[in-house]
């Protein structure tokens, strides 16, 4: 999973920068970040595994972990683009029009008798 971490340059500490560089993060500051006086680091987190149902002793497991020292804000963005076809084009509909009209003419007597 590709992740990026951005922060204002005034708030960025030297230790933060060294941490990212030691862990394989690359600086990927964009023009937008530069205008906001921010610095961005990009890195990959290899995710592998399977999704399992919640364990029955979830409260016990949670009690054995400590929370983070401070809250971290996380944003997850995807770069996938999806395109959907909203239906047939006008030309395709026009080709099918005679068949639709013929079907309506054939089924009209049945519809009239069904309404009575």
C-alpha atoms as a PDB file:
ATOM      1  CA  UNK A   1       0.000   0.000   0.000  1.00  0.00           C
ATOM      2  CA  UNK A   2       1.446   3.340  -1.001  1.00  0.00           C
ATOM      3  CA  UNK A   3       1.243   5.955   1.737  1.00  0.00           C
ATOM      4  CA  UNK A   4       2.372   9.536   2.078  1.00  0.00           C
ATOM      5  CA  UNK A   5       2.921  11.729   5.113  1.00  0.00           C
ATOM      6  CA  UNK A   6       2.733  15.516   4.804  1.00  0.00           C
ATOM      7  CA  UNK A   7       3.384  18.159   7.412  1.00  0.00           C
ATOM      8  CA  UNK A   8       4.158  21.859   7.506  1.00  0.00           C
ATOM      9  CA  UNK A   9       7.896  22.437   7.304  1.00  0.00           C
ATOM     10  CA  UNK A  10       7.811  24.533  10.487  1.00  0.00           C
ATOM     11  CA  UNK A  11       6.426  21.530  12.402  1.00  0.00           C
ATOM     12  CA  UNK A  12       8.782  18.993  10.828  1.00  0.00           C
ATOM     13  CA  UNK A  13      11.592  17.991  13.177  1.00  0.00           C
ATOM     14  CA  UNK A  14      14.981  16.717  12.133  1.00  0.00           C
ATOM     15  CA  UNK A  15      14.313  13.458  13.987  1.00  0.00           C
ATOM     16  CA  UNK A  16      11.124  12.962  11.930  1.00  0.00           C
ATOM     17  CA  UNK A  17      13.067  13.396   8.706  1.00  0.00           C
ATOM     18  CA  UNK A  18      15.784  10.979   9.821  1.00  0.00           C
ATOM     19  CA  UNK A  19      13.141   8.422  10.812  1.00  0.00           C
ATOM     20  CA  UNK A  20      11.526   8.534   7.363  1.00  0.00           C
ATOM     21  CA  UNK A  21      14.847   8.309   5.538  1.00  0.00           C
ATOM     22  CA  UNK A  22      16.034   5.396   7.710  1.00  0.00           C
ATOM     23  CA  UNK A  23      12.822   3.503   6.964  1.00  0.00           C
ATOM     24  CA  UNK A  24      13.013   3.882   3.193  1.00  0.00           C
ATOM     25  CA  UNK A  25      10.667   6.832   2.679  1.00  0.00           C
ATOM     26  CA  UNK A  26      11.350   9.133  -0.252  1.00  0.00           C
ATOM     27  CA  UNK A  27      10.629  12.833  -0.352  1.00  0.00           C
ATOM     28  CA  UNK A  28       7.775  13.478  -2.791  1.00  0.00           C
ATOM     29  CA  UNK A  29       6.799  17.083  -2.113  1.00  0.00           C
ATOM     30  CA  UNK A  30       4.442  18.365  -4.816  1.00  0.00           C
ATOM     31  CA  UNK A  31       3.895  21.908  -6.057  1.00  0.00           C
ATOM     32  CA  UNK A  32       0.743  22.118  -3.947  1.00  0.00           C
ATOM     33  CA  UNK A  33       2.724  21.131  -0.852  1.00  0.00           C
ATOM     34  CA  UNK A  34       5.366  23.740  -1.652  1.00  0.00           C
ATOM     35  CA  UNK A  35       2.725  26.469  -1.921  1.00  0.00           C
ATOM     36  CA  UNK A  36       1.435  25.488   1.522  1.00  0.00           C
ATOM     37  CA  UNK A  37       5.003  25.333   2.882  1.00  0.00           C
ATOM     38  CA  UNK A  38       4.606  21.608   3.586  1.00  0.00           C
ATOM     39  CA  UNK A  39       6.903  18.645   3.117  1.00  0.00           C
ATOM     40  CA  UNK A  40       5.728  15.187   2.020  1.00  0.00           C
ATOM     41  CA  UNK A  41       7.331  11.753   2.288  1.00  0.00           C
ATOM     42  CA  UNK A  42       6.079   8.727   0.341  1.00  0.00           C
ATOM     43  CA  UNK A  43       6.627   5.110   1.300  1.00  0.00           C
ATOM     44  CA  UNK A  44       5.248   1.647   0.642  1.00  0.00           C
ATOM     45  CA  UNK A  45       3.828  -0.607   3.319  1.00  0.00           C
ATOM     46  CA  UNK A  46       3.722  -4.216   2.124  1.00  0.00           C
ATOM     47  CA  UNK A  47       0.367  -5.677   3.082  1.00  0.00           C
ATOM     48  CA  UNK A  48      -0.244  -9.388   2.803  1.00  0.00           C
ATOM     49  CA  UNK A  49      -2.632 -11.679   4.543  1.00  0.00           C
ATOM     50  CA  UNK A  50      -6.260 -12.559   4.909  1.00  0.00           C
ATOM     51  CA  UNK A  51      -9.263 -11.094   6.662  1.00  0.00           C
ATOM     52  CA  UNK A  52     -10.419 -13.099   9.637  1.00  0.00           C
ATOM     53  CA  UNK A  53     -13.549 -12.734  11.773  1.00  0.00           C
ATOM     54  CA  UNK A  54     -13.272 -10.901  15.080  1.00  0.00           C
ATOM     55  CA  UNK A  55     -11.848 -13.019  17.878  1.00  0.00           C
ATOM     56  CA  UNK A  56     -14.030 -14.007  20.805  1.00  0.00           C
ATOM     57  CA  UNK A  57     -11.595 -12.569  23.389  1.00  0.00           C
ATOM     58  CA  UNK A  58     -11.317  -9.136  21.725  1.00  0.00           C
ATOM     59  CA  UNK A  59     -11.565  -7.226  25.044  1.00  0.00           C
ATOM     60  CA  UNK A  60      -8.712  -9.243  26.543  1.00  0.00           C
ATOM     61  CA  UNK A  61      -6.538  -8.641  23.483  1.00  0.00           C
ATOM     62  CA  UNK A  62      -7.284  -4.899  23.545  1.00  0.00           C
ATOM     63  CA  UNK A  63      -6.391  -4.666  27.226  1.00  0.00           C
ATOM     64  CA  UNK A  64      -2.873  -5.933  26.475  1.00  0.00           C
ATOM     65  CA  UNK A  65      -2.042  -3.132  24.016  1.00  0.00           C
ATOM     66  CA  UNK A  66      -1.172   0.446  24.853  1.00  0.00           C
ATOM     67  CA  UNK A  67      -2.578   3.353  22.849  1.00  0.00           C
ATOM     68  CA  UNK A  68      -0.280   5.546  20.780  1.00  0.00           C
ATOM     69  CA  UNK A  69       1.419   8.426  22.565  1.00  0.00           C
ATOM     70  CA  UNK A  70      -0.631  10.932  20.591  1.00  0.00           C
ATOM     71  CA  UNK A  71      -3.322  10.704  17.925  1.00  0.00           C
ATOM     72  CA  UNK A  72      -2.154  10.542  14.322  1.00  0.00           C
ATOM     73  CA  UNK A  73      -4.403  11.671  11.509  1.00  0.00           C
ATOM     74  CA  UNK A  74      -4.498   9.260   8.603  1.00  0.00           C
ATOM     75  CA  UNK A  75      -5.967   9.824   5.146  1.00  0.00           C
ATOM     76  CA  UNK A  76      -6.322   7.015   2.648  1.00  0.00           C
ATOM     77  CA  UNK A  77      -6.726   7.894  -1.013  1.00  0.00           C
ATOM     78  CA  UNK A  78      -7.060   5.574  -3.955  1.00  0.00           C
ATOM     79  CA  UNK A  79      -5.860   6.363  -7.428  1.00  0.00           C
ATOM     80  CA  UNK A  80      -8.223   4.096  -9.314  1.00  0.00           C
ATOM     81  CA  UNK A  81     -10.510   5.492 -11.939  1.00  0.00           C
ATOM     82  CA  UNK A  82     -13.777   3.822 -12.776  1.00  0.00           C
ATOM     83  CA  UNK A  83     -15.821   4.475 -15.866  1.00  0.00           C
ATOM     84  CA  UNK A  84     -19.388   3.348 -16.220  1.00  0.00           C
ATOM     85  CA  UNK A  85     -21.505   3.154 -19.314  1.00  0.00           C
ATOM     86  CA  UNK A  86     -24.816   4.762 -18.464  1.00  0.00           C
ATOM     87  CA  UNK A  87     -26.660   2.751 -21.073  1.00  0.00           C
ATOM     88  CA  UNK A  88     -27.016   2.536 -24.770  1.00  0.00           C
ATOM     89  CA  UNK A  89     -26.249   5.397 -27.084  1.00  0.00           C
ATOM     90  CA  UNK A  90     -28.926   7.105 -29.145  1.00  0.00           C
ATOM     91  CA  UNK A  91     -27.976   5.159 -32.288  1.00  0.00           C
ATOM     92  CA  UNK A  92     -28.254   1.825 -30.465  1.00  0.00           C
ATOM     93  CA  UNK A  93     -31.675   2.785 -29.124  1.00  0.00           C
ATOM     94  CA  UNK A  94     -32.826   3.854 -32.590  1.00  0.00           C
ATOM     95  CA  UNK A  95     -31.862   0.467 -34.047  1.00  0.00           C
ATOM     96  CA  UNK A  96     -33.964  -1.329 -31.417  1.00  0.00           C
ATOM     97  CA  UNK A  97     -37.004   0.964 -31.821  1.00  0.00           C
ATOM     98  CA  UNK A  98     -38.733  -1.084 -34.595  1.00  0.00           C
ATOM     99  CA  UNK A  99     -38.448  -4.263 -32.519  1.00  0.00           C
ATOM    100  CA  UNK A 100     -39.881  -2.525 -29.452  1.00  0.00           C
ATOM    101  CA  UNK A 101     -42.814  -1.134 -31.467  1.00  0.00           C
ATOM    102  CA  UNK A 102     -43.534  -4.543 -33.029  1.00  0.00           C
ATOM    103  CA  UNK A 103     -43.503  -6.142 -29.575  1.00  0.00           C
ATOM    104  CA  UNK A 104     -45.931  -3.497 -28.274  1.00  0.00           C
ATOM    105  CA  UNK A 105     -48.315  -4.076 -31.216  1.00  0.00           C
ATOM    106  CA  UNK A 106     -48.266  -7.858 -30.710  1.00  0.00           C
ATOM    107  CA  UNK A 107     -48.838  -7.673 -26.937  1.00  0.00           C
ATOM    108  CA  UNK A 108     -51.460  -4.871 -27.065  1.00  0.00           C
ATOM    109  CA  UNK A 109     -54.492  -7.229 -27.278  1.00  0.00           C
ATOM    110  CA  UNK A 110     -53.242  -9.244 -24.306  1.00  0.00           C
ATOM    111  CA  UNK A 111     -52.744  -6.050 -22.291  1.00  0.00           C
ATOM    112  CA  UNK A 112     -56.233  -4.787 -23.151  1.00  0.00           C
ATOM    113  CA  UNK A 113     -57.855  -8.117 -22.201  1.00  0.00           C
ATOM    114  CA  UNK A 114     -55.853  -8.205 -18.974  1.00  0.00           C
ATOM    115  CA  UNK A 115     -57.078  -4.733 -18.019  1.00  0.00           C
ATOM    116  CA  UNK A 116     -60.747  -5.791 -18.356  1.00  0.00           C
END
